[in-house]
Amino acid sequence: MPGEERSVRRGDGVSEKGYLKPPTIVESPVSAAARNTMLANRRRDTGPELAIRSRLHRAGLRYRVDWSLPFDRRRRADLVFTRVGLYVFIDGCFWHGCPQHFVVPKTRTDFWVGKIEGNRRRDRDTDERLKQLGLTPLRVWEHTDPDTASAVVIAAYRTLERKGATTLGSGRRVSGTTEGA
């Protein structure tokens, strides 16, 4: 405190020599290579996302990127067309459990199965909550051909634009072709 002698001040929980106990070092449950791979995964601007965005921009559509959802600021859509209420999610095959490409990891299986199932539950909850707000969620798998995916997004945008963006809420997932989700 101001006016106190420096020698009189106490460092709560810290001795003159430093910490009372040395820090505990815990080994990581994954290898260094696996950790580096996970750290390299990007949340936005992935290859499939950039390919789809490029085609949409070339088609004259403008959108918001990595936009937070109206009901939960921690959840984000990859692309949002605010004028028509279209929320596009480009889901990774591993992180969202693609039925065609997802392979359960051989290590820490219980952790990963729980993690992917939690992601799927959150995806369903997100879609449902957007529909309740009168908005339209559209999910695209990362393995979908960018031309096909962008054509589906453009078609959904044009449909919502014609409807006047007042009666929204289909909630579709794209995997080569449009399917009900």
C-alpha atoms as a PDB file:
ATOM      1  CA  MET A   1       0.000   0.000   0.000  1.00  0.00           C
ATOM      2  CA  PRO A   2       1.186   3.566  -0.436  1.00  0.00           C
ATOM      3  CA  GLY A   3       3.240   4.744   2.497  1.00  0.00           C
ATOM      4  CA  GLU A   4       4.039   1.200   3.721  1.00  0.00           C
ATOM      5  CA  GLU A   5       7.545  -0.022   3.922  1.00  0.00           C
ATOM      6  CA  ARG A   6       8.226  -2.608   1.250  1.00  0.00           C
ATOM      7  CA  SER A   7       9.650  -5.065   3.805  1.00  0.00           C
ATOM      8  CA  VAL A   8       6.459  -4.868   5.884  1.00  0.00           C
ATOM      9  CA  ARG A   9       4.172  -6.001   2.998  1.00  0.00           C
ATOM     10  CA  ARG A  10       3.242  -9.656   3.005  1.00  0.00           C
ATOM     11  CA  GLY A  11       3.037 -11.752  -0.119  1.00  0.00           C
ATOM     12  CA  ASP A  12      -0.025 -13.888   0.651  1.00  0.00           C
ATOM     13  CA  GLY A  13       0.749 -17.537  -0.050  1.00  0.00           C
ATOM     14  CA  VAL A  14       4.240 -16.907  -1.363  1.00  0.00           C
ATOM     15  CA  SER A  15       7.412 -17.336   0.671  1.00  0.00           C
ATOM     16  CA  GLU A  16      10.593 -15.370   0.171  1.00  0.00           C
ATOM     17  CA  LYS A  17      11.943 -18.216  -1.916  1.00  0.00           C
ATOM     18  CA  GLY A  18       8.895 -18.425  -4.188  1.00  0.00           C
ATOM     19  CA  TYR A  19       5.879 -20.697  -4.128  1.00  0.00           C
ATOM     20  CA  LEU A  20       5.249 -22.858  -1.073  1.00  0.00           C
ATOM     21  CA  LYS A  21       4.922 -25.978  -3.246  1.00  0.00           C
ATOM     22  CA  PRO A  22       6.421 -26.589  -6.646  1.00  0.00           C
ATOM     23  CA  PRO A  23       3.856 -26.731  -9.465  1.00  0.00           C
ATOM     24  CA  THR A  24       2.512 -30.178 -10.291  1.00  0.00           C
ATOM     25  CA  ILE A  25       3.527 -31.346 -13.744  1.00  0.00           C
ATOM     26  CA  VAL A  26       0.973 -33.640 -15.346  1.00  0.00           C
ATOM     27  CA  GLU A  27       1.717 -35.623 -18.470  1.00  0.00           C
ATOM     28  CA  SER A  28      -0.599 -34.917 -21.386  1.00  0.00           C
ATOM     29  CA  PRO A  29      -3.023 -37.787 -22.160  1.00  0.00           C
ATOM     30  CA  VAL A  30      -2.223 -37.422 -25.882  1.00  0.00           C
ATOM     31  CA  SER A  31       1.005 -37.566 -27.839  1.00  0.00           C
ATOM     32  CA  ALA A  32       2.780 -34.395 -28.895  1.00  0.00           C
ATOM     33  CA  ALA A  33       1.947 -35.138 -32.544  1.00  0.00           C
ATOM     34  CA  ALA A  34      -1.770 -35.537 -31.795  1.00  0.00           C
ATOM     35  CA  ARG A  35      -1.739 -32.359 -29.721  1.00  0.00           C
ATOM     36  CA  ASN A  36      -0.078 -30.406 -32.548  1.00  0.00           C
ATOM     37  CA  THR A  37      -2.630 -31.749 -35.033  1.00  0.00           C
ATOM     38  CA  MET A  38      -5.508 -30.618 -32.820  1.00  0.00           C
ATOM     39  CA  LEU A  39      -3.919 -27.197 -32.300  1.00  0.00           C
ATOM     40  CA  ALA A  40      -3.650 -26.786 -36.077  1.00  0.00           C
ATOM     41  CA  ASN A  41      -7.407 -27.256 -36.582  1.00  0.00           C
ATOM     42  CA  ARG A  42      -9.026 -23.942 -37.405  1.00  0.00           C
ATOM     43  CA  ARG A  43     -12.377 -22.714 -36.153  1.00  0.00           C
ATOM     44  CA  ARG A  44     -12.996 -20.564 -39.227  1.00  0.00           C
ATOM     45  CA  ASP A  45     -11.585 -20.039 -42.707  1.00  0.00           C
ATOM     46  CA  THR A  46     -11.186 -23.756 -43.365  1.00  0.00           C
ATOM     47  CA  GLY A  47     -10.551 -24.975 -46.913  1.00  0.00           C
ATOM     48  CA  PRO A  48     -14.141 -26.136 -47.558  1.00  0.00           C
ATOM     49  CA  GLU A  49     -15.540 -22.928 -46.064  1.00  0.00           C
ATOM     50  CA  LEU A  50     -13.303 -20.720 -48.212  1.00  0.00           C
ATOM     51  CA  ALA A  51     -14.219 -22.674 -51.362  1.00  0.00           C
ATOM     52  CA  ILE A  52     -17.954 -22.260 -50.707  1.00  0.00           C
ATOM     53  CA  ARG A  53     -17.586 -18.601 -49.729  1.00  0.00           C
ATOM     54  CA  SER A  54     -15.654 -17.895 -52.912  1.00  0.00           C
ATOM     55  CA  ARG A  55     -18.404 -19.358 -55.083  1.00  0.00           C
ATOM     56  CA  LEU A  56     -21.153 -17.524 -53.189  1.00  0.00           C
ATOM     57  CA  HIS A  57     -19.302 -14.227 -53.464  1.00  0.00           C
ATOM     58  CA  ARG A  58     -18.739 -14.810 -57.190  1.00  0.00           C
ATOM     59  CA  ALA A  59     -22.501 -15.375 -57.516  1.00  0.00           C
ATOM     60  CA  GLY A  60     -23.096 -11.917 -56.048  1.00  0.00           C
ATOM     61  CA  LEU A  61     -24.246 -12.944 -52.567  1.00  0.00           C
ATOM     62  CA  ARG A  62     -22.995 -11.068 -49.537  1.00  0.00           C
ATOM     63  CA  TYR A  63     -22.947 -12.589 -46.084  1.00  0.00           C
ATOM     64  CA  ARG A  64     -21.537 -12.355 -42.567  1.00  0.00           C
ATOM     65  CA  VAL A  65     -18.698 -14.705 -41.615  1.00  0.00           C
ATOM     66  CA  ASP A  66     -18.326 -16.447 -38.229  1.00  0.00           C
ATOM     67  CA  TRP A  67     -21.465 -14.724 -36.916  1.00  0.00           C
ATOM     68  CA  SER A  68     -22.719 -15.345 -33.391  1.00  0.00           C
ATOM     69  CA  LEU A  69     -26.221 -16.742 -32.996  1.00  0.00           C
ATOM     70  CA  PRO A  70     -29.029 -14.561 -31.641  1.00  0.00           C
ATOM     71  CA  PHE A  71     -29.722 -16.815 -28.648  1.00  0.00           C
ATOM     72  CA  ASP A  72     -26.164 -17.754 -27.636  1.00  0.00           C
ATOM     73  CA  ARG A  73     -23.171 -15.537 -28.372  1.00  0.00           C
ATOM     74  CA  ARG A  74     -20.773 -18.474 -27.874  1.00  0.00           C
ATOM     75  CA  ARG A  75     -22.320 -20.465 -30.739  1.00  0.00           C
ATOM     76  CA  ARG A  76     -21.434 -19.266 -34.207  1.00  0.00           C
ATOM     77  CA  ALA A  77     -22.601 -19.862 -37.763  1.00  0.00           C
ATOM     78  CA  ASP A  78     -20.027 -20.070 -40.554  1.00  0.00           C
ATOM     79  CA  LEU A  79     -22.098 -17.885 -42.909  1.00  0.00           C
ATOM     80  CA  VAL A  80     -25.158 -15.779 -42.190  1.00  0.00           C
ATOM     81  CA  PHE A  81     -27.412 -14.069 -44.706  1.00  0.00           C
ATOM     82  CA  THR A  82     -29.013 -11.560 -42.368  1.00  0.00           C
ATOM     83  CA  ARG A  83     -31.543 -10.193 -44.872  1.00  0.00           C
ATOM     84  CA  VAL A  84     -33.296 -13.550 -45.240  1.00  0.00           C
ATOM     85  CA  GLY A  85     -32.390 -15.204 -41.930  1.00  0.00           C
ATOM     86  CA  LEU A  86     -30.320 -18.037 -43.431  1.00  0.00           C
ATOM     87  CA  TYR A  87     -27.682 -19.527 -41.112  1.00  0.00           C
ATOM     88  CA  VAL A  88     -25.193 -21.826 -42.878  1.00  0.00           C
ATOM     89  CA  PHE A  89     -23.009 -24.276 -40.955  1.00  0.00           C
ATOM     90  CA  ILE A  90     -20.180 -26.100 -42.738  1.00  0.00           C
ATOM     91  CA  ASP A  91     -19.692 -29.105 -40.486  1.00  0.00           C
ATOM     92  CA  GLY A  92     -16.433 -31.029 -40.298  1.00  0.00           C
ATOM     93  CA  CYS A  93     -16.764 -34.778 -40.807  1.00  0.00           C
ATOM     94  CA  PHE A  94     -14.805 -35.632 -37.654  1.00  0.00           C
ATOM     95  CA  TRP A  95     -16.142 -32.991 -35.259  1.00  0.00           C
ATOM     96  CA  HIS A  96     -19.792 -33.469 -36.178  1.00  0.00           C
ATOM     97  CA  GLY A  97     -19.766 -37.241 -36.758  1.00  0.00           C
ATOM     98  CA  CYS A  98     -20.379 -37.560 -40.499  1.00  0.00           C
ATOM     99  CA  PRO A  99     -22.139 -40.897 -41.139  1.00  0.00           C
ATOM    100  CA  GLN A 100     -19.947 -41.486 -44.227  1.00  0.00           C
ATOM    101  CA  HIS A 101     -16.514 -40.491 -42.931  1.00  0.00           C
ATOM    102  CA  PHE A 102     -16.407 -40.431 -39.136  1.00  0.00           C
ATOM    103  CA  VAL A 103     -14.112 -43.053 -37.644  1.00  0.00           C
ATOM    104  CA  VAL A 104     -13.997 -43.456 -33.870  1.00  0.00           C
ATOM    105  CA  PRO A 105     -10.437 -42.806 -32.655  1.00  0.00           C
ATOM    106  CA  LYS A 106      -8.596 -45.804 -31.233  1.00  0.00           C
ATOM    107  CA  THR A 107      -7.285 -43.887 -28.213  1.00  0.00           C
ATOM    108  CA  ARG A 108      -9.476 -42.212 -25.578  1.00  0.00           C
ATOM    109  CA  THR A 109     -12.532 -43.700 -27.288  1.00  0.00           C
ATOM    110  CA  ASP A 110     -14.980 -42.875 -24.479  1.00  0.00           C
ATOM    111  CA  PHE A 111     -13.901 -39.244 -24.457  1.00  0.00           C
ATOM    112  CA  TRP A 112     -14.239 -38.829 -28.226  1.00  0.00           C
ATOM    113  CA  VAL A 113     -17.579 -40.634 -28.526  1.00  0.00           C
ATOM    114  CA  GLY A 114     -18.990 -38.412 -25.779  1.00  0.00           C
ATOM    115  CA  LYS A 115     -17.495 -35.306 -27.380  1.00  0.00           C
ATOM    116  CA  ILE A 116     -18.921 -36.029 -30.844  1.00  0.00           C
ATOM    117  CA  GLU A 117     -22.341 -36.979 -29.430  1.00  0.00           C
ATOM    118  CA  GLY A 118     -22.335 -33.702 -27.474  1.00  0.00           C
ATOM    119  CA  ASN A 119     -21.552 -31.810 -30.682  1.00  0.00           C
ATOM    120  CA  ARG A 120     -24.431 -33.556 -32.465  1.00  0.00           C
ATOM    121  CA  ARG A 121     -26.836 -32.704 -29.621  1.00  0.00           C
ATOM    122  CA  ARG A 122     -25.707 -29.074 -29.727  1.00  0.00           C
ATOM    123  CA  ASP A 123     -26.207 -29.014 -33.528  1.00  0.00           C
ATOM    124  CA  ARG A 124     -29.781 -30.316 -33.169  1.00  0.00           C
ATOM    125  CA  ASP A 125     -30.478 -27.824 -30.372  1.00  0.00           C
ATOM    126  CA  THR A 126     -29.064 -24.968 -32.459  1.00  0.00           C
ATOM    127  CA  ASP A 127     -31.213 -25.910 -35.461  1.00  0.00           C
ATOM    128  CA  GLU A 128     -34.336 -26.182 -33.320  1.00  0.00           C
ATOM    129  CA  ARG A 129     -33.760 -22.854 -31.573  1.00  0.00           C
ATOM    130  CA  LEU A 130     -33.118 -21.057 -34.875  1.00  0.00           C
ATOM    131  CA  LYS A 131     -36.357 -22.500 -36.295  1.00  0.00           C
ATOM    132  CA  GLN A 132     -38.265 -21.329 -33.197  1.00  0.00           C
ATOM    133  CA  LEU A 133     -37.005 -17.806 -33.938  1.00  0.00           C
ATOM    134  CA  GLY A 134     -38.272 -18.072 -37.514  1.00  0.00           C
ATOM    135  CA  LEU A 135     -34.777 -18.445 -38.972  1.00  0.00           C
ATOM    136  CA  THR A 136     -33.457 -21.102 -41.353  1.00  0.00           C
ATOM    137  CA  PRO A 137     -30.483 -23.311 -40.467  1.00  0.00           C
ATOM    138  CA  LEU A 138     -28.696 -25.065 -43.332  1.00  0.00           C
ATOM    139  CA  ARG A 139     -25.959 -27.626 -42.641  1.00  0.00           C
ATOM    140  CA  VAL A 140     -23.358 -28.677 -45.183  1.00  0.00           C
ATOM    141  CA  TRP A 141     -20.808 -31.469 -44.682  1.00  0.00           C
ATOM    142  CA  GLU A 142     -17.223 -30.424 -45.383  1.00  0.00           C
ATOM    143  CA  HIS A 143     -16.864 -33.262 -47.925  1.00  0.00           C
ATOM    144  CA  THR A 144     -19.692 -31.910 -50.098  1.00  0.00           C
ATOM    145  CA  ASP A 145     -18.500 -30.619 -53.461  1.00  0.00           C
ATOM    146  CA  PRO A 146     -18.216 -26.805 -53.150  1.00  0.00           C
ATOM    147  CA  ASP A 147     -20.173 -26.260 -56.382  1.00  0.00           C
ATOM    148  CA  THR A 148     -23.029 -28.441 -55.116  1.00  0.00           C
ATOM    149  CA  ALA A 149     -22.996 -26.871 -51.667  1.00  0.00           C
ATOM    150  CA  SER A 150     -22.959 -23.316 -52.997  1.00  0.00           C
ATOM    151  CA  ALA A 151     -25.783 -24.145 -55.435  1.00  0.00           C
ATOM    152  CA  VAL A 152     -27.910 -25.392 -52.521  1.00  0.00           C
ATOM    153  CA  VAL A 153     -27.104 -22.289 -50.448  1.00  0.00           C
ATOM    154  CA  ILE A 154     -27.972 -20.016 -53.389  1.00  0.00           C
ATOM    155  CA  ALA A 155     -31.248 -21.892 -53.961  1.00  0.00           C
ATOM    156  CA  ALA A 156     -32.172 -21.592 -50.267  1.00  0.00           C
ATOM    157  CA  TYR A 157     -31.289 -17.896 -50.304  1.00  0.00           C
ATOM    158  CA  ARG A 158     -33.380 -17.217 -53.422  1.00  0.00           C
ATOM    159  CA  THR A 159     -36.328 -19.180 -52.003  1.00  0.00           C
ATOM    160  CA  LEU A 160     -36.235 -17.213 -48.746  1.00  0.00           C
ATOM    161  CA  GLU A 161     -35.814 -13.983 -50.670  1.00  0.00           C
ATOM    162  CA  ARG A 162     -38.966 -14.736 -52.692  1.00  0.00           C
ATOM    163  CA  LYS A 163     -40.892 -15.582 -49.525  1.00  0.00           C
ATOM    164  CA  GLY A 164     -39.929 -12.224 -48.099  1.00  0.00           C
ATOM    165  CA  ALA A 165     -37.938 -13.837 -45.287  1.00  0.00           C
ATOM    166  CA  THR A 166     -41.029 -13.999 -43.084  1.00  0.00           C
ATOM    167  CA  THR A 167     -41.862 -17.703 -43.200  1.00  0.00           C
ATOM    168  CA  LEU A 168     -38.488 -19.284 -42.496  1.00  0.00           C
ATOM    169  CA  GLY A 169     -37.367 -22.510 -40.871  1.00  0.00           C
ATOM    170  CA  SER A 170     -36.602 -25.622 -42.942  1.00  0.00           C
ATOM    171  CA  GLY A 171     -33.399 -26.875 -41.280  1.00  0.00           C
ATOM    172  CA  ARG A 172     -31.673 -28.974 -43.940  1.00  0.00           C
ATOM    173  CA  ARG A 173     -28.333 -30.744 -44.148  1.00  0.00           C
ATOM    174  CA  VAL A 174     -26.513 -31.102 -47.450  1.00  0.00           C
ATOM    175  CA  SER A 175     -24.483 -34.147 -48.456  1.00  0.00           C
ATOM    176  CA  GLY A 176     -24.160 -34.027 -52.210  1.00  0.00           C
ATOM    177  CA  THR A 177     -27.918 -33.510 -52.413  1.00  0.00           C
ATOM    178  CA  THR A 178     -30.416 -31.837 -50.142  1.00  0.00           C
ATOM    179  CA  GLU A 179     -31.773 -34.123 -47.440  1.00  0.00           C
ATOM    180  CA  GLY A 180     -34.114 -33.696 -44.512  1.00  0.00           C
ATOM    181  CA  ALA A 181     -32.283 -33.552 -41.209  1.00  0.00           C
END
